[in-house]
Amino acid sequence: MKELILIYLLIINAVAFLLMLADKLKAKKHLWRIPESTLMTTALLGGSVGALLGMYTARHKTKHKKFTVGIPLILAAQIALAILYLAKFASISAVKVS
């Protein structure tokens, strides 16, 4: 199960990163753009690290508070949830092992 979660997180972060890069390229070429809701959704689904890295690598959406504040807040919430999840299940695992 842990391996599947890790694979999922790697994939969703790669997707979020690539979507940011793709949207920046489309913006430069005045092409159809990736909706902001899609960019935010990939962050919410676990791709916040990839979205944040994509933002600053491509210098894209860095002037939009929705992204400069929203993506780090999503990341902070995801870290907090991961810590709570690990704390809960680490204590359950310790009880089972004993």
N, C-alpha and C. Protein backbone atom coordinates (compact mmCIF):
# COMPACT_ATOMS: atom_id res chain seq x y z
N MET A 1 0.82 -1.20 0.00
CA MET A 1 0.00 0.00 0.00
C MET A 1 0.87 1.26 0.00
N LYS A 2 1.92 1.25 0.81
CA LYS A 2 2.81 2.41 0.88
C LYS A 2 3.45 2.69 -0.47
N GLU A 3 3.79 1.62 -1.18
CA GLU A 3 4.42 1.77 -2.49
C GLU A 3 3.46 2.42 -3.48
N LEU A 4 2.18 2.02 -3.42
CA LEU A 4 1.18 2.60 -4.31
C LEU A 4 0.97 4.08 -4.03
N ILE A 5 0.97 4.44 -2.77
CA ILE A 5 0.82 5.86 -2.40
C ILE A 5 2.01 6.65 -2.91
N LEU A 6 3.21 6.12 -2.76
CA LEU A 6 4.41 6.80 -3.24
C LEU A 6 4.39 6.96 -4.76
N ILE A 7 4.01 5.91 -5.46
CA ILE A 7 3.92 5.98 -6.93
C ILE A 7 2.88 7.02 -7.34
N TYR A 8 1.72 7.01 -6.67
CA TYR A 8 0.68 8.00 -6.97
C TYR A 8 1.21 9.42 -6.77
N LEU A 9 1.88 9.66 -5.64
CA LEU A 9 2.39 11.00 -5.37
C LEU A 9 3.44 11.43 -6.38
N LEU A 10 4.28 10.51 -6.78
CA LEU A 10 5.28 10.85 -7.82
C LEU A 10 4.60 11.22 -9.13
N ILE A 11 3.59 10.46 -9.52
CA ILE A 11 2.89 10.71 -10.78
C ILE A 11 2.12 12.03 -10.72
N ILE A 12 1.34 12.27 -9.67
CA ILE A 12 0.53 13.48 -9.59
C ILE A 12 1.41 14.73 -9.51
N ASN A 13 2.56 14.63 -8.85
CA ASN A 13 3.46 15.77 -8.78
C ASN A 13 4.14 16.02 -10.13
N ALA A 14 4.46 14.97 -10.84
CA ALA A 14 5.02 15.14 -12.18
C ALA A 14 3.99 15.78 -13.11
N VAL A 15 2.74 15.34 -13.00
CA VAL A 15 1.66 15.92 -13.81
C VAL A 15 1.48 17.40 -13.49
N ALA A 16 1.44 17.74 -12.20
CA ALA A 16 1.26 19.13 -11.79
C ALA A 16 2.41 20.00 -12.31
N PHE A 17 3.63 19.50 -12.20
CA PHE A 17 4.82 20.22 -12.69
C PHE A 17 4.72 20.44 -14.19
N LEU A 18 4.41 19.38 -14.93
CA LEU A 18 4.33 19.48 -16.39
C LEU A 18 3.17 20.36 -16.84
N LEU A 19 2.05 20.35 -16.12
CA LEU A 19 0.94 21.24 -16.46
C LEU A 19 1.34 22.70 -16.31
N MET A 20 2.09 23.03 -15.28
CA MET A 20 2.56 24.41 -15.10
C MET A 20 3.47 24.81 -16.26
N LEU A 21 4.39 23.93 -16.61
CA LEU A 21 5.29 24.23 -17.73
C LEU A 21 4.53 24.37 -19.04
N ALA A 22 3.60 23.47 -19.27
CA ALA A 22 2.81 23.50 -20.50
C ALA A 22 1.97 24.77 -20.58
N ASP A 23 1.37 25.17 -19.47
CA ASP A 23 0.55 26.39 -19.47
C ASP A 23 1.40 27.62 -19.73
N LYS A 24 2.61 27.64 -19.21
CA LYS A 24 3.51 28.77 -19.46
C LYS A 24 3.85 28.84 -20.95
N LEU A 25 4.16 27.70 -21.55
CA LEU A 25 4.47 27.69 -22.99
C LEU A 25 3.28 28.13 -23.82
N LYS A 26 2.10 27.67 -23.45
CA LYS A 26 0.89 28.07 -24.16
C LYS A 26 0.64 29.56 -24.01
N ALA A 27 0.92 30.11 -22.85
CA ALA A 27 0.73 31.54 -22.63
C ALA A 27 1.66 32.35 -23.52
N LYS A 28 2.90 31.90 -23.63
CA LYS A 28 3.88 32.61 -24.47
C LYS A 28 3.47 32.59 -25.94
N LYS A 29 2.85 31.48 -26.37
CA LYS A 29 2.47 31.34 -27.78
C LYS A 29 1.03 31.77 -28.06
N HIS A 30 0.37 32.34 -27.04
CA HIS A 30 -1.02 32.80 -27.17
C HIS A 30 -1.95 31.68 -27.65
N LEU A 31 -1.75 30.50 -27.09
CA LEU A 31 -2.58 29.34 -27.41
C LEU A 31 -3.61 29.11 -26.32
N TRP A 32 -4.50 28.14 -26.55
CA TRP A 32 -5.49 27.74 -25.56
C TRP A 32 -4.76 27.38 -24.28
N ARG A 33 -5.29 27.85 -23.15
CA ARG A 33 -4.62 27.69 -21.86
C ARG A 33 -5.26 26.58 -21.03
N ILE A 34 -4.47 26.08 -20.11
CA ILE A 34 -4.96 25.10 -19.14
C ILE A 34 -5.72 25.88 -18.07
N PRO A 35 -6.96 25.51 -17.78
CA PRO A 35 -7.73 26.25 -16.78
C PRO A 35 -7.04 26.29 -15.41
N GLU A 36 -7.17 27.42 -14.74
CA GLU A 36 -6.60 27.55 -13.40
C GLU A 36 -7.18 26.49 -12.46
N SER A 37 -8.44 26.16 -12.66
CA SER A 37 -9.07 25.14 -11.81
C SER A 37 -8.37 23.79 -11.96
N THR A 38 -7.89 23.49 -13.16
CA THR A 38 -7.16 22.23 -13.38
C THR A 38 -5.82 22.26 -12.65
N LEU A 39 -5.14 23.39 -12.72
CA LEU A 39 -3.86 23.52 -12.04
C LEU A 39 -4.03 23.38 -10.53
N MET A 40 -5.06 24.03 -9.99
CA MET A 40 -5.31 23.95 -8.55
C MET A 40 -5.77 22.55 -8.14
N THR A 41 -6.57 21.91 -8.97
CA THR A 41 -7.07 20.57 -8.65
C THR A 41 -5.93 19.56 -8.57
N THR A 42 -4.97 19.66 -9.47
CA THR A 42 -3.83 18.73 -9.40
C THR A 42 -3.04 18.95 -8.11
N ALA A 43 -2.95 20.20 -7.68
CA ALA A 43 -2.28 20.48 -6.39
C ALA A 43 -3.07 19.87 -5.25
N LEU A 44 -4.39 20.04 -5.27
CA LEU A 44 -5.25 19.50 -4.21
C LEU A 44 -5.21 17.97 -4.16
N LEU A 45 -5.03 17.36 -5.30
CA LEU A 45 -5.02 15.89 -5.37
C LEU A 45 -3.67 15.29 -4.97
N GLY A 46 -2.78 16.14 -4.46
CA GLY A 46 -1.49 15.64 -3.98
C GLY A 46 -0.30 16.17 -4.74
N GLY A 47 -0.53 17.00 -5.74
CA GLY A 47 0.57 17.50 -6.57
C GLY A 47 1.05 18.88 -6.19
N SER A 48 0.92 19.24 -4.94
CA SER A 48 1.28 20.61 -4.53
C SER A 48 2.78 20.87 -4.65
N VAL A 49 3.61 19.90 -4.39
CA VAL A 49 5.06 20.09 -4.53
C VAL A 49 5.41 20.31 -6.00
N GLY A 50 4.86 19.48 -6.87
CA GLY A 50 5.10 19.64 -8.30
C GLY A 50 4.60 20.96 -8.84
N ALA A 51 3.41 21.38 -8.37
CA ALA A 51 2.85 22.66 -8.80
C ALA A 51 3.73 23.81 -8.35
N LEU A 52 4.19 23.75 -7.12
CA LEU A 52 5.05 24.81 -6.58
C LEU A 52 6.38 24.87 -7.32
N LEU A 53 6.97 23.71 -7.55
CA LEU A 53 8.22 23.68 -8.32
C LEU A 53 8.02 24.17 -9.74
N GLY A 54 6.90 23.78 -10.36
CA GLY A 54 6.60 24.24 -11.71
C GLY A 54 6.38 25.74 -11.78
N MET A 55 5.71 26.28 -10.77
CA MET A 55 5.47 27.72 -10.72
C MET A 55 6.78 28.49 -10.76
N TYR A 56 7.71 28.09 -9.92
CA TYR A 56 8.94 28.86 -9.80
C TYR A 56 9.99 28.48 -10.85
N THR A 57 9.93 27.27 -11.37
CA THR A 57 10.84 26.89 -12.46
C THR A 57 10.49 27.66 -13.72
N ALA A 58 9.20 27.74 -14.03
CA ALA A 58 8.74 28.41 -15.25
C ALA A 58 8.40 29.88 -15.02
N ARG A 59 8.49 30.32 -13.77
CA ARG A 59 8.07 31.69 -13.40
C ARG A 59 6.66 31.94 -13.90
N HIS A 60 5.79 31.03 -13.52
CA HIS A 60 4.41 31.06 -14.00
C HIS A 60 3.44 31.14 -12.83
N LYS A 61 2.50 32.05 -12.91
CA LYS A 61 1.47 32.27 -11.90
C LYS A 61 2.06 32.81 -10.59
N THR A 62 3.27 33.33 -10.64
CA THR A 62 3.93 33.81 -9.42
C THR A 62 3.45 35.20 -9.00
N LYS A 63 2.62 35.83 -9.79
CA LYS A 63 2.06 37.13 -9.41
C LYS A 63 0.59 37.01 -9.01
N HIS A 64 0.09 35.78 -8.99
CA HIS A 64 -1.30 35.53 -8.64
C HIS A 64 -1.38 35.01 -7.21
N LYS A 65 -1.99 35.77 -6.33
CA LYS A 65 -2.10 35.36 -4.92
C LYS A 65 -2.79 34.01 -4.77
N LYS A 66 -3.73 33.74 -5.68
CA LYS A 66 -4.43 32.45 -5.65
C LYS A 66 -3.42 31.31 -5.68
N PHE A 67 -2.32 31.50 -6.38
CA PHE A 67 -1.30 30.46 -6.51
C PHE A 67 -0.17 30.63 -5.50
N THR A 68 0.32 31.87 -5.31
CA THR A 68 1.46 32.07 -4.40
C THR A 68 1.09 31.84 -2.94
N VAL A 69 -0.18 32.00 -2.62
CA VAL A 69 -0.65 31.72 -1.27
C VAL A 69 -1.34 30.37 -1.23
N GLY A 70 -2.16 30.09 -2.23
CA GLY A 70 -2.96 28.87 -2.25
C GLY A 70 -2.16 27.59 -2.30
N ILE A 71 -1.20 27.52 -3.19
CA ILE A 71 -0.42 26.28 -3.34
C ILE A 71 0.39 25.98 -2.07
N PRO A 72 1.10 26.96 -1.49
CA PRO A 72 1.79 26.65 -0.23
C PRO A 72 0.84 26.26 0.91
N LEU A 73 -0.36 26.86 0.96
CA LEU A 73 -1.33 26.47 1.98
C LEU A 73 -1.80 25.03 1.77
N ILE A 74 -2.02 24.67 0.52
CA ILE A 74 -2.41 23.29 0.21
C ILE A 74 -1.29 22.34 0.64
N LEU A 75 -0.05 22.70 0.33
CA LEU A 75 1.10 21.87 0.71
C LEU A 75 1.18 21.73 2.23
N ALA A 76 1.00 22.83 2.94
CA ALA A 76 1.05 22.79 4.41
C ALA A 76 -0.05 21.88 4.97
N ALA A 77 -1.24 21.99 4.40
CA ALA A 77 -2.36 21.14 4.84
C ALA A 77 -2.06 19.68 4.55
N GLN A 78 -1.48 19.39 3.40
CA GLN A 78 -1.16 18.01 3.05
C GLN A 78 -0.08 17.44 3.97
N ILE A 79 0.89 18.27 4.33
CA ILE A 79 1.93 17.82 5.26
C ILE A 79 1.32 17.54 6.63
N ALA A 80 0.45 18.43 7.08
CA ALA A 80 -0.21 18.24 8.38
C ALA A 80 -1.04 16.96 8.38
N LEU A 81 -1.79 16.72 7.30
CA LEU A 81 -2.59 15.50 7.21
C LEU A 81 -1.70 14.26 7.19
N ALA A 82 -0.58 14.33 6.49
CA ALA A 82 0.33 13.19 6.44
C ALA A 82 0.92 12.89 7.82
N ILE A 83 1.26 13.96 8.55
CA ILE A 83 1.80 13.77 9.90
C ILE A 83 0.75 13.13 10.81
N LEU A 84 -0.48 13.63 10.74
CA LEU A 84 -1.56 13.06 11.55
C LEU A 84 -1.81 11.60 11.18
N TYR A 85 -1.83 11.32 9.89
CA TYR A 85 -2.04 9.95 9.41
C TYR A 85 -0.94 9.02 9.91
N LEU A 86 0.31 9.46 9.75
CA LEU A 86 1.43 8.64 10.19
C LEU A 86 1.44 8.45 11.70
N ALA A 87 1.11 9.51 12.44
CA ALA A 87 1.08 9.40 13.89
C ALA A 87 0.01 8.41 14.33
N LYS A 88 -1.13 8.45 13.69
CA LYS A 88 -2.21 7.54 14.06
C LYS A 88 -1.84 6.09 13.73
N PHE A 89 -1.36 5.85 12.53
CA PHE A 89 -1.08 4.49 12.13
C PHE A 89 0.24 3.97 12.67
N ALA A 90 1.16 4.85 13.00
CA ALA A 90 2.41 4.41 13.64
C ALA A 90 2.10 3.88 15.03
N SER A 91 1.17 4.54 15.74
CA SER A 91 0.82 4.07 17.08
C SER A 91 0.04 2.76 17.01
N ILE A 92 -0.80 2.60 15.99
CA ILE A 92 -1.54 1.34 15.81
C ILE A 92 -0.57 0.21 15.46
N SER A 93 0.40 0.50 14.60
CA SER A 93 1.40 -0.52 14.22
C SER A 93 2.22 -0.94 15.43
N ALA A 94 2.56 0.02 16.29
CA ALA A 94 3.35 -0.30 17.47
C ALA A 94 2.57 -1.21 18.41
N VAL A 95 1.25 -1.00 18.50
CA VAL A 95 0.43 -1.85 19.36
C VAL A 95 0.34 -3.25 18.77
N LYS A 96 0.21 -3.37 17.46
CA LYS A 96 0.10 -4.69 16.84
C LYS A 96 1.39 -5.49 16.98
N VAL A 97 2.52 -4.81 16.89
CA VAL A 97 3.81 -5.49 16.95
C VAL A 97 4.07 -6.02 18.35
N SER A 98 3.67 -5.30 19.36
CA SER A 98 3.95 -5.70 20.75
C SER A 98 3.30 -7.00 21.15
